[in-house]
Amino acid sequence: MTYILFNPLANNSTGKEIALKLQHDRFPEAELTDLVGLDVNAFLDGLSADDDIILCGGDGTLSRFADDVYGRKLPCTVRLFGAGTGNDFLKDISADVTDNIATVNKYLTDLPTVKVNDIERKFINGIGYGIDGMACEVADDKKLRGETDINYTKISIGLCLGGYKCPEAKVTVDGRVMHFRRVWLASAMKGRYYGGGMMVAPAQDRTSGVMSCIVMHDSGRLHTLAVFPGIFSGSHVKHKKIVTVLTGKEITVEFDRPTALQIDGDTVRGVRKYTAKMPD
C-alpha cells in the first residue's frame, strides 16, 4: 500500500491541495494521511516492507519527520515529493530526484543535532543565524498579518539596507575558538542549501560526516549588499576577507545580542547561542 503523508501547512497552507493532485495524477490507489497530529512512529509500526510512504511537503516537513523517526529502523521505503516553497533538500540531492520525487531513507541517518534555548532536535539542511534568521522572523510576522506574497530575498535585502544590527560573535568549531565583528550570518550546514535556493555552503557534502560553518563578517551594508546575490550561486565564498568557511563535527555560535535563528526554516526568536553536533 502507498501512503501519501501530507503537511497541509506546506507551501503557504496549500499542502492538502497539492497532495490531492499528486494522488489524482500519479498515485490514484494511494491513501492520504494528514501529518498534523499524527503519531508517526505508531503509524510506522503498522507498516511492512511491502508498503511505501510518500511525504508530501517541503524541507520543514522532512525535517520534522526525520527528527520523529531518528534512530529507528524504517519498515519501508520513504520518498519525498517536493511540495514546499523552497525544497532545498531536493536541490542538494538533485542526482537522486526524478519527477520531483526522491527516496530519502539513506539520508535520515547520521543527522546533526541542534541545541538552542529549550529546543533539541535533528536537522537536515542547516541552521541560519543572523540576517537569514531575522528574515524568517519578519516573514512569520507577515504571515500572522495575513500576507501571502512573501519574498525572502526581498526581505533580506531590506534588512541589509537597514533594520539588521550586526552582532559580534564567538564561534567554536571542534574546540577552535574564533571571534568575529559585524556578523551578518553564522550558519551550520549539513547540506549546501537553505532559504529557497541559497547555496550557503557550496563545498559541503552531506555524506561527509562533518558540517560547514559559514560566517559572513566585517563588512559594511553596501559591500554586503553587493556580495549577497552570490549566495545563490555559492560565489560569495570567494570573498575570503568577509566570508570564513570552517568545517567540523561540533559548532557553537554565540552572539552578543539576541537574534532570530532558523532550523530548516522553523524560526526561533531571541537566540544568544546555539550548538550543532554530528553524532559520535
Protein backbone atom coordinates (compact mmCIF):
# COMPACT_ATOMS: atom_id res chain seq x y z
CA MET A 1 0.00 0.00 0.00
CA THR A 2 1.20 3.51 -0.82
CA TYR A 3 0.54 6.21 1.77
CA ILE A 4 0.81 9.90 0.99
CA LEU A 5 1.59 11.67 4.26
CA PHE A 6 0.93 15.34 3.65
CA ASN A 7 1.53 18.54 5.56
CA PRO A 8 -1.49 20.81 5.00
CA LEU A 9 0.56 23.83 6.13
CA ALA A 10 3.21 23.34 3.45
CA ASN A 11 3.58 25.87 0.63
CA ASN A 12 1.54 28.61 2.29
CA SER A 13 -1.14 26.16 3.54
CA THR A 14 -1.79 24.59 0.12
CA GLY A 15 -0.34 21.23 1.13
CA LYS A 16 -3.61 19.31 1.08
CA GLU A 17 -4.50 20.55 -2.41
CA ILE A 18 -1.04 19.54 -3.66
CA ALA A 19 -1.43 16.09 -2.09
CA LEU A 20 -4.84 15.58 -3.68
CA LYS A 21 -3.43 16.49 -7.09
CA LEU A 22 -0.46 14.15 -6.56
CA GLN A 23 -2.86 11.35 -5.69
CA HIS A 24 -5.13 12.06 -8.66
CA ASP A 25 -2.38 12.46 -11.24
CA ARG A 26 0.19 9.85 -10.21
CA PHE A 27 -0.91 7.62 -7.32
CA PRO A 28 -4.68 7.09 -7.57
CA GLU A 29 -4.56 3.98 -5.34
CA ALA A 30 -2.66 5.77 -2.56
CA GLU A 31 -4.21 6.58 0.80
CA LEU A 32 -3.96 10.19 2.01
CA THR A 33 -2.96 10.80 5.65
CA ASP A 34 -2.67 14.21 7.33
CA LEU A 35 0.61 14.60 9.23
CA VAL A 36 -0.82 17.15 11.64
CA GLY A 37 -1.50 15.36 14.92
CA LEU A 38 -0.27 12.03 13.53
CA ASP A 39 1.78 9.78 15.80
CA VAL A 40 4.34 8.98 13.12
CA ASN A 41 6.06 6.16 14.99
CA ALA A 42 2.79 4.42 15.81
CA PHE A 43 1.82 4.75 12.14
CA LEU A 44 5.14 3.21 11.06
CA ASP A 45 4.66 0.33 13.50
CA GLY A 46 1.69 -0.79 11.40
CA LEU A 47 3.60 -0.92 8.11
CA SER A 48 5.69 -3.59 6.39
CA ALA A 49 8.33 -3.76 3.67
CA ASP A 50 5.55 -4.06 1.07
CA ASP A 51 4.30 -0.57 1.89
CA ASP A 52 5.53 2.74 0.55
CA ILE A 53 5.45 6.22 2.09
CA ILE A 54 5.47 9.44 0.11
CA LEU A 55 5.99 12.54 2.21
CA CYS A 56 4.24 15.45 0.53
CA GLY A 57 5.73 18.68 1.82
CA GLY A 58 8.88 20.75 1.96
CA ASP A 59 12.07 20.93 3.97
CA GLY A 60 10.26 21.57 7.24
CA THR A 61 8.04 18.53 6.70
CA LEU A 62 11.01 16.27 6.05
CA SER A 63 12.98 17.77 8.94
CA ARG A 64 10.23 17.11 11.47
CA PHE A 65 9.68 13.59 10.11
CA ALA A 66 13.41 12.90 10.35
CA ASP A 67 13.51 14.12 13.94
CA ASP A 68 10.48 11.99 14.87
CA VAL A 69 11.86 8.75 13.43
CA TYR A 70 15.58 9.21 14.05
CA GLY A 71 17.26 6.12 15.45
CA ARG A 72 14.59 3.60 14.49
CA LYS A 73 14.57 1.11 11.63
CA LEU A 74 12.19 2.26 8.91
CA PRO A 75 9.86 -0.56 7.84
CA CYS A 76 9.57 0.53 4.21
CA THR A 77 10.73 2.90 1.51
CA VAL A 78 10.20 6.58 2.29
CA ARG A 79 10.10 9.07 -0.55
CA LEU A 80 9.76 12.85 -0.60
CA PHE A 81 7.62 14.76 -3.07
CA GLY A 82 8.74 18.40 -3.07
CA ALA A 83 5.70 20.43 -2.12
CA GLY A 84 7.35 23.23 -0.15
CA THR A 85 8.22 26.78 -1.01
CA GLY A 86 11.96 26.11 -1.16
CA ASN A 87 12.61 22.36 -1.48
CA ASP A 88 16.30 22.89 -0.70
CA PHE A 89 16.86 19.27 0.32
CA LEU A 90 15.85 18.04 -3.13
CA LYS A 91 18.14 20.63 -4.72
CA ASP A 92 21.00 19.23 -2.67
CA ILE A 93 20.38 15.62 -3.76
CA SER A 94 19.26 16.52 -7.31
CA ALA A 95 21.04 13.48 -8.81
CA ASP A 96 18.60 11.25 -6.88
CA VAL A 97 15.46 13.16 -7.90
CA THR A 98 13.09 12.00 -10.64
CA ASP A 99 9.89 13.92 -11.38
CA ASN A 100 10.21 15.83 -8.10
CA ILE A 101 10.42 12.64 -6.00
CA ALA A 102 13.42 11.06 -4.28
CA THR A 103 13.91 8.12 -1.92
CA VAL A 104 15.26 9.53 1.35
CA ASN A 105 15.89 6.54 3.65
CA LYS A 106 19.68 6.78 3.44
CA TYR A 107 19.59 10.49 4.25
CA LEU A 108 17.67 10.05 7.51
CA THR A 109 20.70 8.70 9.37
CA ASP A 110 23.87 10.43 10.59
CA LEU A 111 21.98 13.67 11.19
CA PRO A 112 23.30 16.52 13.35
CA THR A 113 21.54 17.74 16.49
CA VAL A 114 21.00 21.41 17.27
CA LYS A 115 20.58 22.70 20.82
CA VAL A 116 19.13 26.20 21.14
CA ASN A 117 17.18 27.72 24.03
CA ASP A 118 14.96 24.85 25.24
CA ILE A 119 14.98 23.06 21.87
CA GLU A 120 16.98 19.97 20.93
CA ARG A 121 16.30 18.36 17.57
CA LYS A 122 17.76 16.92 14.39
CA PHE A 123 18.06 18.94 11.20
CA ILE A 124 18.57 18.04 7.55
CA ASN A 125 19.75 21.21 5.78
CA GLY A 126 21.14 23.87 8.06
CA ILE A 127 20.94 26.44 10.81
CA GLY A 128 20.61 30.05 9.75
CA TYR A 129 21.66 32.57 12.40
CA GLY A 130 21.81 36.27 11.71
CA ILE A 131 20.16 38.16 8.88
CA ASP A 132 18.73 34.92 7.46
CA GLY A 133 17.11 34.05 10.78
CA MET A 134 15.74 37.58 11.07
CA ALA A 135 14.31 37.30 7.53
CA CYS A 136 12.36 34.23 8.68
CA GLU A 137 11.17 36.19 11.72
CA VAL A 138 9.92 39.04 9.52
CA ALA A 139 8.25 36.57 7.15
CA ASP A 140 6.47 34.86 10.05
CA ASP A 141 5.14 38.22 11.22
CA LYS A 142 3.85 38.93 7.72
CA LYS A 143 2.05 35.57 7.68
CA LEU A 144 0.42 36.37 11.01
CA ARG A 145 -0.91 39.57 9.44
CA GLY A 146 -2.45 37.52 6.65
CA GLU A 147 0.05 38.44 3.95
CA THR A 148 0.69 35.72 1.37
CA ASP A 149 3.07 37.33 -1.14
CA ILE A 150 6.25 36.80 0.89
CA ASN A 151 9.65 37.13 -0.78
CA TYR A 152 12.53 36.12 1.48
CA THR A 153 15.15 37.62 -0.83
CA LYS A 154 13.38 40.96 -0.82
CA ILE A 155 13.09 40.82 2.96
CA SER A 156 16.80 40.03 3.30
CA ILE A 157 17.80 42.91 1.03
CA GLY A 158 15.61 45.25 3.04
CA LEU A 159 17.23 44.11 6.29
CA CYS A 160 20.66 44.53 4.72
CA LEU A 161 19.87 48.13 3.83
CA GLY A 162 18.58 48.83 7.33
CA GLY A 163 16.94 47.04 10.22
CA TYR A 164 19.50 44.35 10.89
CA LYS A 165 22.12 45.24 13.51
CA CYS A 166 25.28 43.18 13.17
CA PRO A 167 26.33 41.42 16.38
CA GLU A 168 29.78 40.30 17.40
CA ALA A 169 30.23 36.54 17.52
CA LYS A 170 32.28 33.87 19.21
CA VAL A 171 32.48 30.78 17.02
CA THR A 172 33.87 27.48 18.29
CA VAL A 173 34.46 24.61 15.84
CA ASP A 174 35.83 21.37 17.29
CA GLY A 175 37.44 23.33 20.12
CA ARG A 176 38.96 26.04 17.94
CA VAL A 177 37.70 29.47 19.04
CA MET A 178 37.40 32.46 16.71
CA HIS A 179 35.93 35.94 17.22
CA PHE A 180 34.18 37.96 14.52
CA ARG A 181 32.85 41.51 14.34
CA ARG A 182 29.93 42.84 12.28
CA VAL A 183 28.47 39.38 11.68
CA TRP A 184 25.80 39.06 9.01
CA LEU A 185 25.31 35.32 9.27
CA ALA A 186 26.86 32.36 11.09
CA SER A 187 25.39 29.17 9.71
CA ALA A 188 25.94 25.47 10.45
CA MET A 189 25.30 23.42 7.32
CA LYS A 190 24.60 19.71 6.83
CA GLY A 191 23.72 20.31 3.18
CA ARG A 192 24.58 23.05 0.72
CA TYR A 193 21.28 24.92 0.57
CA TYR A 194 18.69 26.69 2.66
CA GLY A 195 16.37 29.68 2.24
CA GLY A 196 14.82 28.67 -1.07
CA GLY A 197 17.90 28.19 -3.22
CA MET A 198 20.67 29.92 -1.26
CA MET A 199 23.83 27.87 -1.80
CA VAL A 200 25.26 28.88 1.56
CA ALA A 201 27.91 26.14 1.70
CA PRO A 202 28.83 25.22 -1.89
CA ALA A 203 31.57 22.74 -0.89
CA GLN A 204 29.54 20.95 1.77
CA ASP A 205 28.88 17.22 1.29
CA ARG A 206 26.00 15.93 3.43
CA THR A 207 27.56 12.45 3.44
CA SER A 208 30.98 13.61 4.70
CA GLY A 209 30.32 13.28 8.43
CA VAL A 210 31.18 16.94 9.08
CA MET A 211 29.33 20.25 8.84
CA SER A 212 30.36 23.57 7.35
CA CYS A 213 30.21 26.77 9.38
CA ILE A 214 29.84 29.81 7.13
CA VAL A 215 30.45 33.21 8.73
CA MET A 216 29.91 36.46 6.82
CA HIS A 217 31.53 39.28 8.78
CA ASP A 218 33.47 42.56 8.88
CA SER A 219 31.59 44.14 6.02
CA GLY A 220 29.55 47.33 5.65
CA ARG A 221 25.99 47.40 4.36
CA LEU A 222 26.79 48.35 0.76
CA HIS A 223 29.62 45.83 0.43
CA THR A 224 27.44 43.11 1.91
CA LEU A 225 24.61 44.03 -0.45
CA ALA A 226 27.00 43.74 -3.40
CA VAL A 227 28.24 40.30 -2.30
CA PHE A 228 24.91 38.91 -1.09
CA PRO A 229 23.46 37.87 -4.52
CA GLY A 230 26.40 35.49 -4.86
CA ILE A 231 24.90 33.33 -2.12
CA PHE A 232 22.50 31.88 -4.71
CA SER A 233 25.39 30.54 -6.82
CA GLY A 234 27.85 29.94 -3.99
CA SER A 235 30.25 32.58 -5.29
CA HIS A 236 30.05 34.57 -2.04
CA VAL A 237 32.69 32.26 -0.51
CA LYS A 238 35.26 33.70 -2.94
CA HIS A 239 35.22 36.91 -0.87
CA LYS A 240 37.56 35.47 1.73
CA LYS A 241 38.07 38.73 3.61
CA ILE A 242 34.44 38.78 4.66
CA VAL A 243 33.39 35.09 4.36
CA THR A 244 35.06 32.48 6.54
CA VAL A 245 34.40 28.78 5.96
CA LEU A 246 35.13 26.31 8.76
CA THR A 247 34.41 22.59 8.92
CA GLY A 248 33.95 20.28 11.87
CA LYS A 249 31.74 17.92 13.82
CA GLU A 250 30.69 20.38 16.55
CA ILE A 251 29.86 24.05 16.02
CA THR A 252 28.88 26.57 18.70
CA VAL A 253 27.99 30.16 17.84
CA GLU A 254 27.39 32.86 20.44
CA PHE A 255 26.14 36.37 19.61
CA ASP A 256 26.42 39.37 21.89
CA ARG A 257 22.73 40.21 21.42
CA PRO A 258 19.56 38.13 20.93
CA THR A 259 18.94 37.39 17.26
CA ALA A 260 16.49 35.16 15.42
CA LEU A 261 17.59 31.75 14.16
CA GLN A 262 16.02 29.25 11.76
CA ILE A 263 16.22 25.45 11.82
CA ASP A 264 15.33 24.08 8.39
CA GLY A 265 13.00 27.07 8.01
CA ASP A 266 11.47 26.97 11.50
CA THR A 267 12.08 30.25 13.33
CA VAL A 268 13.41 30.51 16.88
CA ARG A 269 13.39 34.05 18.30
CA GLY A 270 15.71 35.74 20.75
CA VAL A 271 18.69 33.38 20.46
CA ARG A 272 22.07 34.15 22.06
CA LYS A 273 23.74 30.78 21.41
CA TYR A 274 23.35 27.52 19.55
CA THR A 275 25.34 24.30 19.27
CA ALA A 276 25.17 21.89 16.34
CA LYS A 277 26.81 18.50 16.68
CA MET A 278 27.23 15.47 14.46
CA PRO A 279 26.62 12.05 16.06
CA ASP A 280 29.63 10.28 17.53
